[in-house]
C-alpha cells in the first residue's frame, strides 16, 4: 500500500466512523437502556469494520482499524449519547 493510498484510506475510514458514531450515539439514546446501548454500539462497530473491509478492500489488521476509526467511533458515540441523555433529563 503506497503512502497516498494509506492516507486516503485512513481519512475515508475515519470520516465514515465519525458519521456512524454520531448516528449510533443517537440511536443508543433512543434505546434508553445503558447496557443494551453499549452492546448495540459494539455490534455496529464490528459489523461496520467488516463492511468497510469488503467495500474498500483494505487488508489491514484490527490494530489499524482501531487506530483509524474505532477510537473516533467510540468517543463520538459516547459524546453524542451523553449529550442527548443530559438534554432528556432537563
N, C-alpha and C. Protein backbone atom coordinates (compact mmCIF):
# COMPACT_ATOMS: atom_id res chain seq x y z
N UNK A 1 0.85 -1.17 0.00
CA UNK A 1 0.00 0.00 0.00
C UNK A 1 0.90 1.23 0.00
N UNK A 2 0.72 2.10 -0.99
CA UNK A 2 1.53 3.31 -1.06
C UNK A 2 1.10 4.31 0.00
N UNK A 3 1.94 5.31 0.20
CA UNK A 3 1.68 6.30 1.24
C UNK A 3 0.40 7.09 0.95
N UNK A 4 0.19 7.47 -0.32
CA UNK A 4 -1.01 8.22 -0.68
C UNK A 4 -2.25 7.35 -0.47
N UNK A 5 -2.20 6.11 -0.86
CA UNK A 5 -3.33 5.21 -0.67
C UNK A 5 -3.60 4.99 0.81
N UNK A 6 -2.54 4.90 1.59
CA UNK A 6 -2.68 4.71 3.04
C UNK A 6 -3.43 5.87 3.66
N UNK A 7 -3.03 7.11 3.33
CA UNK A 7 -3.69 8.27 3.92
C UNK A 7 -5.10 8.47 3.37
N UNK A 8 -5.33 8.13 2.10
CA UNK A 8 -6.68 8.20 1.56
C UNK A 8 -7.60 7.24 2.30
N UNK A 9 -7.15 6.01 2.50
CA UNK A 9 -7.96 5.02 3.21
C UNK A 9 -8.16 5.43 4.66
N UNK A 10 -7.13 5.96 5.27
CA UNK A 10 -7.23 6.39 6.66
C UNK A 10 -8.24 7.52 6.82
N UNK A 11 -8.20 8.50 5.95
CA UNK A 11 -9.12 9.63 6.03
C UNK A 11 -10.56 9.18 5.75
N UNK A 12 -10.75 8.31 4.78
CA UNK A 12 -12.09 7.83 4.46
C UNK A 12 -12.68 7.01 5.60
N UNK A 13 -11.89 6.14 6.20
CA UNK A 13 -12.42 5.32 7.28
C UNK A 13 -12.70 6.16 8.52
N UNK A 14 -11.84 7.12 8.82
CA UNK A 14 -12.07 7.98 9.98
C UNK A 14 -13.35 8.79 9.81
N UNK A 15 -13.56 9.33 8.62
CA UNK A 15 -14.77 10.10 8.35
C UNK A 15 -16.01 9.22 8.44
N UNK A 16 -15.95 8.03 7.85
CA UNK A 16 -17.10 7.12 7.89
C UNK A 16 -17.43 6.72 9.32
N UNK A 17 -16.41 6.42 10.11
CA UNK A 17 -16.65 6.04 11.51
C UNK A 17 -17.18 7.21 12.33
N UNK A 18 -16.77 8.43 12.00
CA UNK A 18 -17.29 9.59 12.72
C UNK A 18 -18.78 9.76 12.47
N UNK A 19 -19.19 9.61 11.22
CA UNK A 19 -20.61 9.74 10.88
C UNK A 19 -21.42 8.63 11.54
N UNK A 20 -20.92 7.40 11.45
CA UNK A 20 -21.63 6.27 12.06
C UNK A 20 -21.67 6.41 13.58
N UNK A 21 -20.61 6.93 14.18
CA UNK A 21 -20.60 7.13 15.63
C UNK A 21 -21.66 8.11 16.10
N UNK A 22 -21.88 9.17 15.33
CA UNK A 22 -22.91 10.15 15.67
C UNK A 22 -24.29 9.51 15.56
N UNK A 23 -24.53 8.80 14.48
CA UNK A 23 -25.84 8.16 14.27
C UNK A 23 -26.11 7.10 15.34
N UNK A 24 -25.12 6.27 15.63
CA UNK A 24 -25.30 5.21 16.61
C UNK A 24 -25.44 5.80 18.02
N UNK A 25 -24.78 6.92 18.29
CA UNK A 25 -24.96 7.59 19.58
C UNK A 25 -26.39 8.03 19.79
N UNK A 26 -27.00 8.58 18.74
CA UNK A 26 -28.41 8.99 18.85
C UNK A 26 -29.33 7.77 18.97
N UNK A 27 -29.06 6.73 18.19
CA UNK A 27 -29.88 5.53 18.27
C UNK A 27 -29.74 4.85 19.64
N UNK A 28 -28.56 4.92 20.23
CA UNK A 28 -28.37 4.38 21.57
C UNK A 28 -29.17 5.15 22.60
N UNK A 29 -29.29 6.45 22.41
CA UNK A 29 -30.14 7.25 23.29
C UNK A 29 -31.59 6.81 23.17
N UNK A 30 -32.02 6.51 21.96
CA UNK A 30 -33.41 6.07 21.75
C UNK A 30 -33.68 4.69 22.36
N UNK A 31 -32.64 3.86 22.47
CA UNK A 31 -32.81 2.54 23.08
C UNK A 31 -33.20 2.69 24.55
N UNK A 32 -32.63 3.69 25.24
CA UNK A 32 -32.99 4.03 26.62
C UNK A 32 -32.66 2.91 27.61
N UNK A 33 -31.59 2.18 27.36
CA UNK A 33 -31.11 1.13 28.25
C UNK A 33 -29.60 1.07 28.09
N UNK A 34 -28.85 1.48 29.13
CA UNK A 34 -27.40 1.63 29.01
C UNK A 34 -26.68 0.35 28.59
N UNK A 35 -26.91 -0.79 29.24
CA UNK A 35 -26.18 -1.99 28.81
C UNK A 35 -26.52 -2.42 27.38
N UNK A 36 -27.76 -2.31 27.02
CA UNK A 36 -28.18 -2.68 25.66
C UNK A 36 -27.61 -1.70 24.63
N UNK A 37 -27.54 -0.42 25.00
CA UNK A 37 -26.95 0.58 24.11
C UNK A 37 -25.47 0.31 23.88
N UNK A 38 -24.76 -0.11 24.93
CA UNK A 38 -23.35 -0.43 24.79
C UNK A 38 -23.16 -1.64 23.87
N UNK A 39 -23.96 -2.68 24.07
CA UNK A 39 -23.87 -3.87 23.21
C UNK A 39 -24.19 -3.50 21.77
N UNK A 40 -25.19 -2.66 21.57
CA UNK A 40 -25.54 -2.20 20.23
C UNK A 40 -24.36 -1.48 19.58
N UNK A 41 -23.68 -0.60 20.34
CA UNK A 41 -22.53 0.14 19.83
C UNK A 41 -21.42 -0.80 19.41
N UNK A 42 -21.14 -1.82 20.23
CA UNK A 42 -20.06 -2.76 19.91
C UNK A 42 -20.41 -3.56 18.65
N UNK A 43 -21.63 -4.05 18.57
CA UNK A 43 -22.03 -4.85 17.41
C UNK A 43 -21.97 -4.03 16.13
N UNK A 44 -22.49 -2.82 16.16
CA UNK A 44 -22.46 -1.97 14.96
C UNK A 44 -21.02 -1.65 14.58
N UNK A 45 -20.15 -1.40 15.54
CA UNK A 45 -18.75 -1.11 15.24
C UNK A 45 -18.05 -2.27 14.56
N UNK A 46 -18.22 -3.47 15.06
CA UNK A 46 -17.58 -4.65 14.46
C UNK A 46 -18.14 -4.92 13.07
N UNK A 47 -19.45 -4.84 12.93
CA UNK A 47 -20.07 -5.08 11.62
C UNK A 47 -19.62 -4.02 10.61
N UNK A 48 -19.50 -2.77 11.06
CA UNK A 48 -19.07 -1.70 10.16
C UNK A 48 -17.63 -1.91 9.70
N UNK A 49 -16.76 -2.40 10.57
CA UNK A 49 -15.39 -2.72 10.16
C UNK A 49 -15.41 -3.78 9.07
N UNK A 50 -16.19 -4.83 9.27
CA UNK A 50 -16.25 -5.90 8.29
C UNK A 50 -16.81 -5.41 6.96
N UNK A 51 -17.81 -4.54 7.01
CA UNK A 51 -18.38 -3.99 5.77
C UNK A 51 -17.35 -3.13 5.03
N UNK A 52 -16.67 -2.25 5.77
CA UNK A 52 -15.67 -1.40 5.13
C UNK A 52 -14.49 -2.20 4.58
N UNK A 53 -14.12 -3.29 5.25
CA UNK A 53 -13.05 -4.14 4.73
C UNK A 53 -13.39 -4.66 3.34
N UNK A 54 -14.63 -5.07 3.16
CA UNK A 54 -15.06 -5.61 1.86
C UNK A 54 -15.23 -4.50 0.83
N UNK A 55 -15.85 -3.40 1.21
CA UNK A 55 -16.12 -2.32 0.25
C UNK A 55 -14.82 -1.66 -0.21
N UNK A 56 -13.95 -1.31 0.74
CA UNK A 56 -12.74 -0.57 0.40
C UNK A 56 -11.54 -1.47 0.11
N UNK A 57 -11.70 -2.76 0.31
CA UNK A 57 -10.64 -3.74 0.05
C UNK A 57 -9.35 -3.38 0.80
N UNK A 58 -9.50 -3.14 2.09
CA UNK A 58 -8.36 -2.82 2.95
C UNK A 58 -8.00 -4.07 3.73
N UNK A 59 -6.79 -4.53 3.56
CA UNK A 59 -6.34 -5.77 4.21
C UNK A 59 -5.44 -5.47 5.39
N UNK A 60 -5.92 -4.64 6.29
CA UNK A 60 -5.15 -4.29 7.49
C UNK A 60 -5.67 -5.09 8.68
N UNK A 61 -4.86 -5.14 9.72
CA UNK A 61 -5.24 -5.85 10.94
C UNK A 61 -6.13 -4.96 11.81
N UNK A 62 -6.64 -5.57 12.88
CA UNK A 62 -7.56 -4.85 13.77
C UNK A 62 -6.90 -3.65 14.42
N UNK A 63 -5.59 -3.69 14.63
CA UNK A 63 -4.89 -2.55 15.23
C UNK A 63 -5.04 -1.31 14.35
N UNK A 64 -4.92 -1.47 13.05
CA UNK A 64 -5.08 -0.36 12.11
C UNK A 64 -6.51 0.18 12.17
N UNK A 65 -7.48 -0.72 12.17
CA UNK A 65 -8.88 -0.31 12.22
C UNK A 65 -9.19 0.41 13.53
N UNK A 66 -8.61 -0.07 14.62
CA UNK A 66 -8.85 0.56 15.91
C UNK A 66 -8.30 1.98 15.91
N UNK A 67 -7.10 2.16 15.38
CA UNK A 67 -6.48 3.48 15.37
C UNK A 67 -7.06 4.43 14.34
N UNK A 68 -7.59 3.92 13.25
CA UNK A 68 -8.08 4.77 12.17
C UNK A 68 -9.59 4.86 12.08
N UNK A 69 -10.30 4.48 13.10
CA UNK A 69 -11.74 4.61 13.02
C UNK A 69 -12.47 4.26 14.29
N UNK A 70 -12.12 3.17 14.91
CA UNK A 70 -12.88 2.72 16.07
C UNK A 70 -12.74 3.65 17.27
N UNK A 71 -11.57 4.24 17.45
CA UNK A 71 -11.40 5.20 18.55
C UNK A 71 -12.32 6.40 18.35
N UNK A 72 -12.34 6.94 17.14
CA UNK A 72 -13.21 8.07 16.83
C UNK A 72 -14.67 7.68 17.01
N UNK A 73 -15.01 6.49 16.53
CA UNK A 73 -16.37 5.96 16.63
C UNK A 73 -16.82 5.86 18.09
N UNK A 74 -15.99 5.29 18.94
CA UNK A 74 -16.33 5.09 20.35
C UNK A 74 -16.49 6.43 21.07
N UNK A 75 -15.55 7.35 20.85
CA UNK A 75 -15.64 8.64 21.54
C UNK A 75 -16.82 9.47 21.05
N UNK A 76 -17.08 9.49 19.75
CA UNK A 76 -18.23 10.24 19.27
C UNK A 76 -19.54 9.61 19.73
N UNK A 77 -19.60 8.29 19.75
CA UNK A 77 -20.79 7.63 20.27
C UNK A 77 -21.04 8.06 21.71
N UNK A 78 -20.00 8.03 22.53
CA UNK A 78 -20.14 8.38 23.94
C UNK A 78 -20.55 9.84 24.12
N UNK A 79 -19.95 10.73 23.37
CA UNK A 79 -20.28 12.16 23.49
C UNK A 79 -21.73 12.42 23.06
N UNK A 80 -22.13 11.89 21.92
CA UNK A 80 -23.49 12.13 21.42
C UNK A 80 -24.52 11.50 22.35
N UNK A 81 -24.27 10.29 22.78
CA UNK A 81 -25.19 9.61 23.68
C UNK A 81 -25.33 10.39 25.00
N UNK A 82 -24.21 10.88 25.55
CA UNK A 82 -24.23 11.63 26.80
C UNK A 82 -24.95 12.96 26.64
N UNK A 83 -24.72 13.65 25.54
CA UNK A 83 -25.39 14.93 25.31
C UNK A 83 -26.90 14.75 25.23
N UNK A 84 -27.35 13.79 24.45
CA UNK A 84 -28.80 13.55 24.34
C UNK A 84 -29.38 13.08 25.67
N UNK A 85 -28.65 12.26 26.40
CA UNK A 85 -29.12 11.79 27.70
C UNK A 85 -29.29 12.97 28.66
N UNK A 86 -28.31 13.87 28.68
CA UNK A 86 -28.40 15.02 29.58
C UNK A 86 -29.48 15.99 29.15
N UNK A 87 -29.72 16.13 27.88
CA UNK A 87 -30.80 17.00 27.41
C UNK A 87 -32.17 16.43 27.79
N UNK A 88 -32.28 15.12 27.81
CA UNK A 88 -33.56 14.47 28.15
C UNK A 88 -33.88 14.59 29.63
N UNK A 89 -32.87 14.68 30.47
CA UNK A 89 -33.07 14.76 31.91
C UNK A 89 -33.66 16.12 32.31
N UNK A 90 -33.27 17.14 31.62
CA UNK A 90 -33.72 18.51 31.98
C UNK A 90 -35.15 18.71 31.72
